[in-house]
Amino acid sequence: MRVTPRAGRNALTEEDGQLRAQVTAVPEDGRANRAVQALLAEALGVARTRLSLIRGATSRDKLFRLD
């Protein structure tokens, strides 16, 4: 998934077969990562704690695992 922090709104979109997340949170102290995790959990209808960030803690490209 490709993440855009500091966006104007929180949204999930699909572009060219890749999931994209736009979050209003800033990329400091993991705030944007937590915002993406919450947004993705809400879209999937699962608890936020069931999603784990596997790769991309400091990158725009992230990989989450659903437990």
PDB file of N, CA and C in Angstrom:
ATOM      1  N   MET A   1       0.836  -1.155   0.000  1.00  0.00           N
ATOM      2  CA  MET A   1       0.000   0.000   0.000  1.00  0.00           C
ATOM      3  C   MET A   1       0.889   1.228   0.000  1.00  0.00           C
ATOM      4  N   ARG A   2       0.472   2.237  -0.718  1.00  0.00           N
ATOM      5  CA  ARG A   2       1.216   3.497  -0.811  1.00  0.00           C
ATOM      6  C   ARG A   2       0.513   4.521   0.069  1.00  0.00           C
ATOM      7  N   VAL A   3       1.250   5.216   0.924  1.00  0.00           N
ATOM      8  CA  VAL A   3       0.672   6.154   1.880  1.00  0.00           C
ATOM      9  C   VAL A   3       1.079   7.582   1.561  1.00  0.00           C
ATOM     10  N   THR A   4       0.106   8.493   1.655  1.00  0.00           N
ATOM     11  CA  THR A   4       0.357   9.922   1.508  1.00  0.00           C
ATOM     12  C   THR A   4      -0.030  10.602   2.820  1.00  0.00           C
ATOM     13  N   PRO A   5       0.960  11.007   3.621  1.00  0.00           N
ATOM     14  CA  PRO A   5       0.644  11.724   4.858  1.00  0.00           C
ATOM     15  C   PRO A   5       0.344  13.193   4.566  1.00  0.00           C
ATOM     16  N   ARG A   6      -0.203  13.876   5.551  1.00  0.00           N
ATOM     17  CA  ARG A   6      -0.554  15.300   5.447  1.00  0.00           C
ATOM     18  C   ARG A   6      -1.519  15.588   4.303  1.00  0.00           C
ATOM     19  N   ALA A   7      -2.407  14.648   4.018  1.00  0.00           N
ATOM     20  CA  ALA A   7      -3.401  14.838   2.956  1.00  0.00           C
ATOM     21  C   ALA A   7      -4.536  15.715   3.486  1.00  0.00           C
ATOM     22  N   GLY A   8      -5.381  16.155   2.600  1.00  0.00           N
ATOM     23  CA  GLY A   8      -6.509  16.987   2.984  1.00  0.00           C
ATOM     24  C   GLY A   8      -7.619  16.216   3.662  1.00  0.00           C
ATOM     25  N   ARG A   9      -7.642  14.905   3.455  1.00  0.00           N
ATOM     26  CA  ARG A   9      -8.681  14.059   4.057  1.00  0.00           C
ATOM     27  C   ARG A   9      -8.157  12.644   4.192  1.00  0.00           C
ATOM     28  N   ASN A  10      -8.832  11.852   5.010  1.00  0.00           N
ATOM     29  CA  ASN A  10      -8.495  10.432   5.144  1.00  0.00           C
ATOM     30  C   ASN A  10      -9.295   9.660   4.111  1.00  0.00           C
ATOM     31  N   ALA A  11      -8.612   8.848   3.313  1.00  0.00           N
ATOM     32  CA  ALA A  11      -9.308   8.083   2.281  1.00  0.00           C
ATOM     33  C   ALA A  11      -8.462   6.909   1.830  1.00  0.00           C
ATOM     34  N   LEU A  12      -9.156   5.860   1.383  1.00  0.00           N
ATOM     35  CA  LEU A  12      -8.520   4.710   0.745  1.00  0.00           C
ATOM     36  C   LEU A  12      -8.981   4.687  -0.699  1.00  0.00           C
ATOM     37  N   THR A  13      -8.046   4.530  -1.617  1.00  0.00           N
ATOM     38  CA  THR A  13      -8.374   4.444  -3.031  1.00  0.00           C
ATOM     39  C   THR A  13      -7.552   3.336  -3.665  1.00  0.00           C
ATOM     40  N   GLU A  14      -7.953   2.943  -4.862  1.00  0.00           N
ATOM     41  CA  GLU A  14      -7.211   1.941  -5.633  1.00  0.00           C
ATOM     42  C   GLU A  14      -6.802   2.594  -6.939  1.00  0.00           C
ATOM     43  N   GLU A  15      -5.526   2.483  -7.249  1.00  0.00           N
ATOM     44  CA  GLU A  15      -5.009   3.100  -8.463  1.00  0.00           C
ATOM     45  C   GLU A  15      -3.997   2.150  -9.101  1.00  0.00           C
ATOM     46  N   ASP A  16      -4.241   1.772 -10.326  1.00  0.00           N
ATOM     47  CA  ASP A  16      -3.350   0.871 -11.064  1.00  0.00           C
ATOM     48  C   ASP A  16      -3.101  -0.434 -10.307  1.00  0.00           C
ATOM     49  N   GLY A  17      -4.126  -0.958  -9.648  1.00  0.00           N
ATOM     50  CA  GLY A  17      -3.998  -2.212  -8.933  1.00  0.00           C
ATOM     51  C   GLY A  17      -3.312  -2.112  -7.592  1.00  0.00           C
ATOM     52  N   GLN A  18      -2.995  -0.896  -7.140  1.00  0.00           N
ATOM     53  CA  GLN A  18      -2.326  -0.709  -5.858  1.00  0.00           C
ATOM     54  C   GLN A  18      -3.241   0.086  -4.930  1.00  0.00           C
ATOM     55  N   LEU A  19      -3.331  -0.350  -3.676  1.00  0.00           N
ATOM     56  CA  LEU A  19      -4.117   0.351  -2.681  1.00  0.00           C
ATOM     57  C   LEU A  19      -3.352   1.570  -2.219  1.00  0.00           C
ATOM     58  N   ARG A  20      -4.051   2.705  -2.142  1.00  0.00           N
ATOM     59  CA  ARG A  20      -3.429   3.953  -1.692  1.00  0.00           C
ATOM     60  C   ARG A  20      -4.202   4.505  -0.510  1.00  0.00           C
ATOM     61  N   ALA A  21      -3.475   4.958   0.491  1.00  0.00           N
ATOM     62  CA  ALA A  21      -4.087   5.555   1.678  1.00  0.00           C
ATOM     63  C   ALA A  21      -3.635   6.997   1.786  1.00  0.00           C
ATOM     64  N   GLN A  22      -4.579   7.874   2.044  1.00  0.00           N
ATOM     65  CA  GLN A  22      -4.289   9.279   2.280  1.00  0.00           C
ATOM     66  C   GLN A  22      -4.750   9.591   3.687  1.00  0.00           C
ATOM     67  N   VAL A  23      -3.851  10.093   4.512  1.00  0.00           N
ATOM     68  CA  VAL A  23      -4.184  10.407   5.898  1.00  0.00           C
ATOM     69  C   VAL A  23      -3.760  11.826   6.223  1.00  0.00           C
ATOM     70  N   THR A  24      -4.499  12.456   7.126  1.00  0.00           N
ATOM     71  CA  THR A  24      -4.205  13.834   7.506  1.00  0.00           C
ATOM     72  C   THR A  24      -3.076  13.921   8.522  1.00  0.00           C
ATOM     73  N   ALA A  25      -2.719  12.815   9.131  1.00  0.00           N
ATOM     74  CA  ALA A  25      -1.675  12.795  10.168  1.00  0.00           C
ATOM     75  C   ALA A  25      -0.298  13.095   9.575  1.00  0.00           C
ATOM     76  N   VAL A  26       0.542  13.658  10.421  1.00  0.00           N
ATOM     77  CA  VAL A  26       1.920  13.952  10.011  1.00  0.00           C
ATOM     78  C   VAL A  26       2.784  12.709  10.232  1.00  0.00           C
ATOM     79  N   PRO A  27       3.844  12.546   9.442  1.00  0.00           N
ATOM     80  CA  PRO A  27       4.699  11.361   9.587  1.00  0.00           C
ATOM     81  C   PRO A  27       5.752  11.529  10.681  1.00  0.00           C
ATOM     82  N   GLU A  28       5.305  11.779  11.903  1.00  0.00           N
ATOM     83  CA  GLU A  28       6.216  11.933  13.037  1.00  0.00           C
ATOM     84  C   GLU A  28       5.788  10.988  14.143  1.00  0.00           C
ATOM     85  N   ASP A  29       6.748  10.317  14.745  1.00  0.00           N
ATOM     86  CA  ASP A  29       6.507   9.425  15.883  1.00  0.00           C
ATOM     87  C   ASP A  29       5.466   8.351  15.582  1.00  0.00           C
ATOM     88  N   GLY A  30       5.359   7.921  14.332  1.00  0.00           N
ATOM     89  CA  GLY A  30       4.445   6.853  13.975  1.00  0.00           C
ATOM     90  C   GLY A  30       2.984   7.263  13.865  1.00  0.00           C
ATOM     91  N   ARG A  31       2.694   8.553  13.912  1.00  0.00           N
ATOM     92  CA  ARG A  31       1.306   9.021  13.848  1.00  0.00           C
ATOM     93  C   ARG A  31       0.630   8.636  12.536  1.00  0.00           C
ATOM     94  N   ALA A  32       1.316   8.808  11.427  1.00  0.00           N
ATOM     95  CA  ALA A  32       0.732   8.460  10.127  1.00  0.00           C
ATOM     96  C   ALA A  32       0.518   6.951  10.023  1.00  0.00           C
ATOM     97  N   ASN A  33       1.445   6.162  10.549  1.00  0.00           N
ATOM     98  CA  ASN A  33       1.284   4.705  10.524  1.00  0.00           C
ATOM     99  C   ASN A  33       0.055   4.276  11.308  1.00  0.00           C
ATOM    100  N   ARG A  34      -0.144   4.867  12.484  1.00  0.00           N
ATOM    101  CA  ARG A  34      -1.321   4.534  13.285  1.00  0.00           C
ATOM    102  C   ARG A  34      -2.602   4.978  12.600  1.00  0.00           C
ATOM    103  N   ALA A  35      -2.563   6.113  11.919  1.00  0.00           N
ATOM    104  CA  ALA A  35      -3.748   6.590  11.202  1.00  0.00           C
ATOM    105  C   ALA A  35      -4.093   5.661  10.039  1.00  0.00           C
ATOM    106  N   VAL A  36      -3.081   5.201   9.327  1.00  0.00           N
ATOM    107  CA  VAL A  36      -3.311   4.259   8.221  1.00  0.00           C
ATOM    108  C   VAL A  36      -3.856   2.943   8.763  1.00  0.00           C
ATOM    109  N   GLN A  37      -3.309   2.479   9.864  1.00  0.00           N
ATOM    110  CA  GLN A  37      -3.775   1.236  10.471  1.00  0.00           C
ATOM    111  C   GLN A  37      -5.250   1.356  10.858  1.00  0.00           C
ATOM    112  N   ALA A  38      -5.639   2.466  11.455  1.00  0.00           N
ATOM    113  CA  ALA A  38      -7.031   2.669  11.856  1.00  0.00           C
ATOM    114  C   ALA A  38      -7.948   2.773  10.636  1.00  0.00           C
ATOM    115  N   LEU A  39      -7.504   3.478   9.608  1.00  0.00           N
ATOM    116  CA  LEU A  39      -8.295   3.639   8.390  1.00  0.00           C
ATOM    117  C   LEU A  39      -8.499   2.295   7.691  1.00  0.00           C
ATOM    118  N   LEU A  40      -7.452   1.513   7.591  1.00  0.00           N
ATOM    119  CA  LEU A  40      -7.537   0.205   6.952  1.00  0.00           C
ATOM    120  C   LEU A  40      -8.414  -0.754   7.763  1.00  0.00           C
ATOM    121  N   ALA A  41      -8.282  -0.727   9.080  1.00  0.00           N
ATOM    122  CA  ALA A  41      -9.096  -1.589   9.941  1.00  0.00           C
ATOM    123  C   ALA A  41     -10.579  -1.248   9.801  1.00  0.00           C
ATOM    124  N   GLU A  42     -10.880   0.034   9.746  1.00  0.00           N
ATOM    125  CA  GLU A  42     -12.274   0.456   9.579  1.00  0.00           C
ATOM    126  C   GLU A  42     -12.827  -0.010   8.232  1.00  0.00           C
ATOM    127  N   ALA A  43     -12.041   0.122   7.181  1.00  0.00           N
ATOM    128  CA  ALA A  43     -12.480  -0.290   5.846  1.00  0.00           C
ATOM    129  C   ALA A  43     -12.696  -1.802   5.767  1.00  0.00           C
ATOM    130  N   LEU A  44     -11.871  -2.571   6.471  1.00  0.00           N
ATOM    131  CA  LEU A  44     -11.986  -4.025   6.456  1.00  0.00           C
ATOM    132  C   LEU A  44     -13.002  -4.545   7.471  1.00  0.00           C
ATOM    133  N   GLY A  45     -13.406  -3.696   8.395  1.00  0.00           N
ATOM    134  CA  GLY A  45     -14.359  -4.103   9.408  1.00  0.00           C
ATOM    135  C   GLY A  45     -13.765  -5.013  10.463  1.00  0.00           C
ATOM    136  N   VAL A  46     -12.505  -4.786  10.787  1.00  0.00           N
ATOM    137  CA  VAL A  46     -11.818  -5.581  11.808  1.00  0.00           C
ATOM    138  C   VAL A  46     -11.251  -4.654  12.873  1.00  0.00           C
ATOM    139  N   ALA A  47     -10.847  -5.230  13.994  1.00  0.00           N
ATOM    140  CA  ALA A  47     -10.220  -4.443  15.052  1.00  0.00           C
ATOM    141  C   ALA A  47      -8.834  -3.992  14.598  1.00  0.00           C
ATOM    142  N   ARG A  48      -8.478  -2.803  15.003  1.00  0.00           N
ATOM    143  CA  ARG A  48      -7.179  -2.244  14.625  1.00  0.00           C
ATOM    144  C   ARG A  48      -6.028  -3.120  15.103  1.00  0.00           C
ATOM    145  N   THR A  49      -6.215  -3.790  16.225  1.00  0.00           N
ATOM    146  CA  THR A  49      -5.151  -4.630  16.775  1.00  0.00           C
ATOM    147  C   THR A  49      -4.903  -5.884  15.954  1.00  0.00           C
ATOM    148  N   ARG A  50      -5.807  -6.225  15.047  1.00  0.00           N
ATOM    149  CA  ARG A  50      -5.607  -7.395  14.176  1.00  0.00           C
ATOM    150  C   ARG A  50      -4.678  -7.090  13.016  1.00  0.00           C
ATOM    151  N   LEU A  51      -4.355  -5.822  12.785  1.00  0.00           N
ATOM    152  CA  LEU A  51      -3.444  -5.431  11.704  1.00  0.00           C
ATOM    153  C   LEU A  51      -2.058  -5.167  12.267  1.00  0.00           C
ATOM    154  N   SER A  52      -1.066  -5.742  11.634  1.00  0.00           N
ATOM    155  CA  SER A  52       0.326  -5.542  12.040  1.00  0.00           C
ATOM    156  C   SER A  52       1.107  -4.960  10.876  1.00  0.00           C
ATOM    157  N   LEU A  53       1.907  -3.944  11.165  1.00  0.00           N
ATOM    158  CA  LEU A  53       2.774  -3.356  10.144  1.00  0.00           C
ATOM    159  C   LEU A  53       4.001  -4.261  10.010  1.00  0.00           C
ATOM    160  N   ILE A  54       4.141  -4.880   8.850  1.00  0.00           N
ATOM    161  CA  ILE A  54       5.234  -5.826   8.610  1.00  0.00           C
ATOM    162  C   ILE A  54       6.462  -5.119   8.049  1.00  0.00           C
ATOM    163  N   ARG A  55       6.233  -4.219   7.104  1.00  0.00           N
ATOM    164  CA  ARG A  55       7.350  -3.559   6.429  1.00  0.00           C
ATOM    165  C   ARG A  55       6.947  -2.136   6.068  1.00  0.00           C
ATOM    166  N   GLY A  56       7.879  -1.199   6.194  1.00  0.00           N
ATOM    167  CA  GLY A  56       7.652   0.156   5.739  1.00  0.00           C
ATOM    168  C   GLY A  56       7.373   1.170   6.825  1.00  0.00           C
ATOM    169  N   ALA A  57       7.891   0.969   8.007  1.00  0.00           N
ATOM    170  CA  ALA A  57       7.630   1.894   9.113  1.00  0.00           C
ATOM    171  C   ALA A  57       8.067   3.321   8.787  1.00  0.00           C
ATOM    172  N   THR A  58       9.135   3.473   8.016  1.00  0.00           N
ATOM    173  CA  THR A  58       9.611   4.817   7.673  1.00  0.00           C
ATOM    174  C   THR A  58       9.513   5.097   6.177  1.00  0.00           C
ATOM    175  N   SER A  59       8.780   4.270   5.465  1.00  0.00           N
ATOM    176  CA  SER A  59       8.650   4.396   4.019  1.00  0.00           C
ATOM    177  C   SER A  59       7.218   4.730   3.651  1.00  0.00           C
ATOM    178  N   ARG A  60       7.010   5.244   2.446  1.00  0.00           N
ATOM    179  CA  ARG A  60       5.653   5.499   1.962  1.00  0.00           C
ATOM    180  C   ARG A  60       4.964   4.214   1.535  1.00  0.00           C
ATOM    181  N   ASP A  61       5.737   3.189   1.186  1.00  0.00           N
ATOM    182  CA  ASP A  61       5.186   1.887   0.804  1.00  0.00           C
ATOM    183  C   ASP A  61       5.162   0.994   2.041  1.00  0.00           C
ATOM    184  N   LYS A  62       3.986   0.500   2.384  1.00  0.00           N
ATOM    185  CA  LYS A  62       3.813  -0.273   3.602  1.00  0.00           C
ATOM    186  C   LYS A  62       3.168  -1.618   3.314  1.00  0.00           C
ATOM    187  N   LEU A  63       3.442  -2.569   4.190  1.00  0.00           N
ATOM    188  CA  LEU A  63       2.840  -3.890   4.098  1.00  0.00           C
ATOM    189  C   LEU A  63       2.259  -4.226   5.461  1.00  0.00           C
ATOM    190  N   PHE A  64       0.940  -4.466   5.481  1.00  0.00           N
ATOM    191  CA  PHE A  64       0.242  -4.839   6.706  1.00  0.00           C
ATOM    192  C   PHE A  64      -0.166  -6.299   6.610  1.00  0.00           C
ATOM    193  N   ARG A  65      -0.213  -6.960   7.769  1.00  0.00           N
ATOM    194  CA  ARG A  65      -0.694  -8.338   7.846  1.00  0.00           C
ATOM    195  C   ARG A  65      -1.944  -8.341   8.710  1.00  0.00           C
ATOM    196  N   LEU A  66      -2.947  -9.073   8.254  1.00  0.00           N
ATOM    197  CA  LEU A  66      -4.183  -9.243   9.008  1.00  0.00           C
ATOM    198  C   LEU A  66      -4.093 -10.549   9.780  1.00  0.00           C
ATOM    199  N   ASP A  67      -4.120 -10.459  11.094  1.00  0.00           N
ATOM    200  CA  ASP A  67      -4.046 -11.655  11.960  1.00  0.00           C
ATOM    201  C   ASP A  67      -5.426 -12.174  12.263  1.00  0.00           C
TER     202      ASP A  67
END
